[in-house]
Every structure is written in C-alpha cells, then in structure tokens.
Amino acid sequence: MLERLRVPFEVDVAQVDETAVADETPEATALRLSLLKAETVAARRPEAIVIGSDQVAEANGLAFGKPGTHEAAMLQLQTLRGKVVRFHSGLCVIATHLGVRKTQSRVIPTTVHFRFLSDDAIERYLRLDTPYDCAGSAKAEGLGIALLDRVESGDPTALIGLPLIALVSMLLAIGYPILSA
C-alpha cells in the first residue's frame, strides 16, 4: 500500500499480542493495537517515522479479528453473510524530530454490506483466497470483493487495512513532504 505514495519505506513487523481486552470496544481495540504496534517499532527505530495499523470488524455488537484458521474464517463468514459490518481501521504515526516525539492516532470507519452467500460459496472463496490473516475473513483487495454488496467510507483504502488518505494527512501534519520535490 505504501508503494502507492512513492515514499521510501522499510517493513519492520511488530510482534504483539492482538488479544482484545475485556470490555474494550472493537474501535478501541483497533486504536490500541495500532498504537502498540507503532510504539513497539519506534522503540527499536527511534529515528524513523513509524506507521502502525490494525483492523477489527464489528457486527451485532461482536468483534471479529483475524480468524487464523480455515474453520474460524468459515464461522466468521457464516456469521457476517447478509449483514452490515463496520470495519474499524486503527492508524498511528510516531515521529521524532529534534528530540520531540509526536504521536498521532485515529480510527477510520468503513461500513460494508456483505452479500448473503451459501456455505458452498464461502468454502470456495476460502479455498481460493485464504484470508486467515484478515479481520472479518474478507480480503477486499482480492476475491473477497465478491463477498461485498456495498462499501461506505471516506477513505476507500481503509478497508484494505492502511487508510492512505488519513495517513497522508498525518504525514503532512508532521511536515513530511509527500508531493514536494
């Protein structure tokens, strides 16, 4: 996703526990995890501008994270089919300039209307796209787009996991020259 912005970057994966905290809303979980991921990498790379992100899906008051297995993905999609699902994409940017650390974070919501799919259609999708590392078990950047009837968002890249419109605003706010020569 960052390649679209044509900025140099390195990937440094933050291995963090993504378990939700008791009584934490899905939105708060996405925000907390994006901040935790950014802070984890910033501790290792204090000179870098660090971007952290995470996503949690929500339907009928229940949170849906990354399923991890085929069976869990099947159950998620059986639960979400025909429903309106809110995806909460947490985004955090940490930058240190002249010894001053600045942290920005926010959640970008996306509302998705899932098609009602048969168990056979869900099974076929899971075999073809294997979305086991994706909140809500639907990779919208791949075949998962066929699961969706409608998407509502102020940032179309948020559903894919890295809200680029929000990220550009955050980078500009810290003085990073996105379009400057």
Protein backbone atom coordinates (compact mmCIF):
# COMPACT_ATOMS: atom_id res chain seq x y z
CA MET A 1 0.00 0.00 0.00
CA LEU A 2 2.81 2.43 0.85
CA GLU A 3 4.25 1.99 -2.64
CA ARG A 4 1.25 3.94 -3.92
CA LEU A 5 2.57 7.03 -2.11
CA ARG A 6 6.01 6.62 -3.73
CA VAL A 7 7.87 7.18 -0.49
CA PRO A 8 10.82 5.11 0.70
CA PHE A 9 9.97 2.66 3.48
CA GLU A 10 11.09 -0.49 5.26
CA VAL A 11 8.84 -3.09 6.84
CA ASP A 12 9.53 -3.87 10.49
CA VAL A 13 6.83 -6.15 11.83
CA ALA A 14 5.79 -5.63 15.44
CA GLN A 15 5.03 -8.97 17.06
CA VAL A 16 2.38 -8.01 19.62
CA ASP A 17 -0.43 -9.80 21.40
CA GLU A 18 -3.57 -8.87 19.47
CA THR A 19 -5.99 -10.22 22.06
CA ALA A 20 -8.84 -7.86 22.84
CA VAL A 21 -9.06 -6.51 26.38
CA ALA A 22 -12.22 -7.27 28.39
CA ASP A 23 -14.98 -4.69 27.85
CA GLU A 24 -12.95 -2.98 25.09
CA THR A 25 -14.94 -1.84 22.07
CA PRO A 26 -13.80 -3.03 18.63
CA GLU A 27 -12.92 0.58 17.78
CA ALA A 28 -10.80 0.91 20.94
CA THR A 29 -9.08 -2.40 20.17
CA ALA A 30 -8.09 -1.23 16.67
CA LEU A 31 -6.77 2.05 18.06
CA ARG A 32 -4.86 0.40 20.92
CA LEU A 33 -3.26 -2.21 18.66
CA SER A 34 -2.20 0.31 16.01
CA LEU A 35 -0.58 2.41 18.74
CA LEU A 36 1.06 -0.64 20.35
CA LYS A 37 2.48 -1.78 17.01
CA ALA A 38 3.87 1.69 16.25
CA GLU A 39 5.34 2.08 19.76
CA THR A 40 6.96 -1.36 19.56
CA VAL A 41 8.77 -0.49 16.33
CA ALA A 42 9.54 3.10 17.41
CA ALA A 43 11.38 1.72 20.45
CA ARG A 44 13.68 -0.18 18.06
CA ARG A 45 13.87 2.59 15.45
CA PRO A 46 13.65 5.96 17.23
CA GLU A 47 14.99 7.82 14.18
CA ALA A 48 12.23 6.56 11.87
CA ILE A 49 8.76 7.77 11.09
CA VAL A 50 6.78 4.74 12.22
CA ILE A 51 3.35 3.72 10.99
CA GLY A 52 1.23 1.21 12.88
CA SER A 53 -2.15 -0.10 11.84
CA ASP A 54 -4.70 -2.69 12.82
CA GLN A 55 -8.26 -3.52 11.92
CA VAL A 56 -11.20 -5.02 13.77
CA ALA A 57 -14.58 -5.81 12.23
CA GLU A 58 -17.82 -5.43 14.19
CA ALA A 59 -21.31 -6.76 13.62
CA ASN A 60 -24.23 -7.05 16.02
CA GLY A 61 -22.02 -5.85 18.87
CA LEU A 62 -19.45 -8.61 18.31
CA ALA A 63 -15.81 -8.10 17.30
CA PHE A 64 -14.20 -10.10 14.51
CA GLY A 65 -10.44 -10.08 14.23
CA LYS A 66 -8.10 -12.22 12.15
CA PRO A 67 -9.52 -15.75 12.06
CA GLY A 68 -6.18 -17.57 11.81
CA THR A 69 -7.69 -20.85 10.57
CA HIS A 70 -9.98 -22.08 7.84
CA GLU A 71 -12.59 -23.21 10.37
CA ALA A 72 -12.64 -19.84 12.16
CA ALA A 73 -12.88 -17.99 8.82
CA MET A 74 -15.80 -20.18 7.78
CA LEU A 75 -17.60 -19.40 11.03
CA GLN A 76 -16.91 -15.65 10.67
CA LEU A 77 -18.27 -15.51 7.13
CA GLN A 78 -21.32 -17.59 8.04
CA THR A 79 -22.00 -15.09 10.82
CA LEU A 80 -21.35 -12.00 8.65
CA ARG A 81 -23.19 -13.03 5.47
CA GLY A 82 -26.10 -10.76 4.67
CA LYS A 83 -25.10 -8.36 7.45
CA VAL A 84 -23.86 -4.79 7.71
CA VAL A 85 -20.36 -4.87 9.16
CA ARG A 86 -18.35 -1.92 10.49
CA PHE A 87 -14.60 -2.18 9.98
CA HIS A 88 -12.51 -0.07 12.37
CA SER A 89 -9.07 0.65 10.88
CA GLY A 90 -6.70 1.98 13.53
CA LEU A 91 -3.79 4.11 12.33
CA CYS A 92 -0.89 5.56 14.28
CA VAL A 93 2.12 7.62 13.19
CA ILE A 94 5.05 8.25 15.54
CA ALA A 95 7.84 10.62 14.54
CA THR A 96 10.72 12.15 16.46
CA HIS A 97 12.13 15.42 15.17
CA LEU A 98 14.79 17.41 17.01
CA GLY A 99 14.23 15.31 20.10
CA VAL A 100 10.48 15.89 20.20
CA ARG A 101 8.29 12.82 19.77
CA LYS A 102 4.92 13.34 18.09
CA THR A 103 2.23 10.69 18.09
CA GLN A 104 -0.94 10.84 16.04
CA SER A 105 -3.60 8.16 16.05
CA ARG A 106 -7.14 7.72 14.88
CA VAL A 107 -9.68 5.17 13.71
CA ILE A 108 -11.13 5.29 10.22
CA PRO A 109 -14.52 3.55 9.93
CA THR A 110 -15.79 1.67 6.90
CA THR A 111 -19.28 0.22 6.63
CA VAL A 112 -19.59 -2.90 4.49
CA HIS A 113 -22.74 -4.67 3.35
CA PHE A 114 -22.00 -8.38 2.91
CA ARG A 115 -23.87 -10.42 0.32
CA PHE A 116 -25.79 -13.45 1.58
CA LEU A 117 -23.65 -16.38 0.44
CA SER A 118 -24.22 -20.12 0.65
CA ASP A 119 -21.87 -22.30 2.68
CA ASP A 120 -20.53 -23.71 -0.62
CA ALA A 121 -19.73 -20.22 -1.92
CA ILE A 122 -17.98 -19.33 1.34
CA GLU A 123 -15.99 -22.58 1.23
CA ARG A 124 -14.92 -21.92 -2.37
CA TYR A 125 -13.87 -18.37 -1.51
CA LEU A 126 -11.82 -19.50 1.48
CA ARG A 127 -10.01 -22.15 -0.59
CA LEU A 128 -9.16 -19.60 -3.30
CA ASP A 129 -8.26 -16.51 -1.23
CA THR A 130 -7.21 -17.93 2.21
CA PRO A 131 -7.98 -14.71 4.15
CA TYR A 132 -6.92 -16.10 7.52
CA ASP A 133 -4.84 -13.02 8.44
CA CYS A 134 -7.62 -10.55 7.62
CA ALA A 135 -10.22 -9.11 10.01
CA GLY A 136 -13.64 -10.38 9.04
CA SER A 137 -12.15 -13.02 6.70
CA ALA A 138 -12.68 -10.95 3.55
CA LYS A 139 -9.76 -9.60 1.51
CA ALA A 140 -11.35 -6.75 -0.41
CA GLU A 141 -8.14 -6.30 -2.42
CA GLY A 142 -8.62 -9.84 -3.77
CA LEU A 143 -11.52 -12.15 -4.48
CA GLY A 144 -13.11 -11.01 -1.20
CA ILE A 145 -14.58 -8.08 -3.10
CA ALA A 146 -17.13 -10.59 -4.47
CA LEU A 147 -18.46 -11.09 -0.93
CA LEU A 148 -19.45 -7.45 -0.67
CA ASP A 149 -22.57 -5.73 -1.90
CA ARG A 150 -21.64 -2.17 -0.92
CA VAL A 151 -18.84 -0.25 0.82
CA GLU A 152 -19.24 3.14 2.52
CA SER A 153 -16.12 5.03 3.59
CA GLY A 154 -14.42 8.38 3.42
CA ASP A 155 -11.17 6.53 2.70
CA PRO A 156 -11.52 3.61 0.26
CA THR A 157 -8.10 2.22 1.22
CA ALA A 158 -9.15 1.83 4.87
CA LEU A 159 -10.93 -1.45 4.16
CA ILE A 160 -7.72 -2.92 2.77
CA GLY A 161 -6.03 -2.14 6.09
CA LEU A 162 -3.96 1.01 5.61
CA PRO A 163 -6.05 4.19 5.27
CA LEU A 164 -3.85 6.14 2.86
CA ILE A 165 -5.92 9.34 2.83
CA ALA A 166 -5.69 9.59 6.62
CA LEU A 167 -2.01 8.60 6.51
CA VAL A 168 -1.18 11.38 4.05
CA SER A 169 -2.90 13.89 6.34
CA MET A 170 -0.89 12.63 9.32
CA LEU A 171 2.39 12.74 7.38
CA LEU A 172 1.70 16.26 6.16
CA ALA A 173 0.89 17.31 9.75
CA ILE A 174 4.42 16.32 10.84
CA GLY A 175 5.96 18.10 7.87
CA TYR A 176 6.72 15.07 5.71
CA PRO A 177 6.82 16.28 2.08
CA ILE A 178 4.53 13.82 0.26
CA LEU A 179 4.30 15.77 -3.02
CA SER A 180 7.22 18.17 -2.63
CA ALA A 181 10.25 17.89 -4.85
